[in-house]
Amino acid sequence: MDTTRVLLVDDEQDFLDLMQKRMAKRKIDLHVASSGQEALDLIRNSFFNVVILDVKMPGMDGIETLRQLRILSPDTQVIMLTGHADVETAVKGMELGAFDYMMKPMSFDYLLMKIQEANSMRSIGGM
């Protein structure tokens, strides 16, 4: 993976810390936000190729964050992430243009593969 800029949005600080360490070893340019509002503030000031977005967060949830992210950065690919099986939320996320929907815990290698796929879709202009 070359210069893919990834934003991981999750309210679980331990998960953010772990992903930062693992992504750094793979030389992925990972930025983190612990809330939907923090993510939108970062997106207003910087471009990310791929956003990994937790669905269940206090305050602004992942679906509302995705809805606002689409207005700010329509070309950014989004992977929804949740620890709770919820088909309705997954469908809503996909209707709002999410690239994929993943359940926690997931394999790190599988997440990397999805980031690469999402970035490839963005590169060729797919949604």
Foldseek 3Di string as FASTA:
>chain_A
DPAAEEEEEALDVVVVVVVVVVVVVVVYNYHYHDDLVRVVVVLLPDPGQEYEAEQDDPDDGRLNSLLVVCVSPVLHAYEYEYQDDDVVVQVSSVVSPHPYYYHPPDDPVVVVVVSVVSSVCSVVPHD
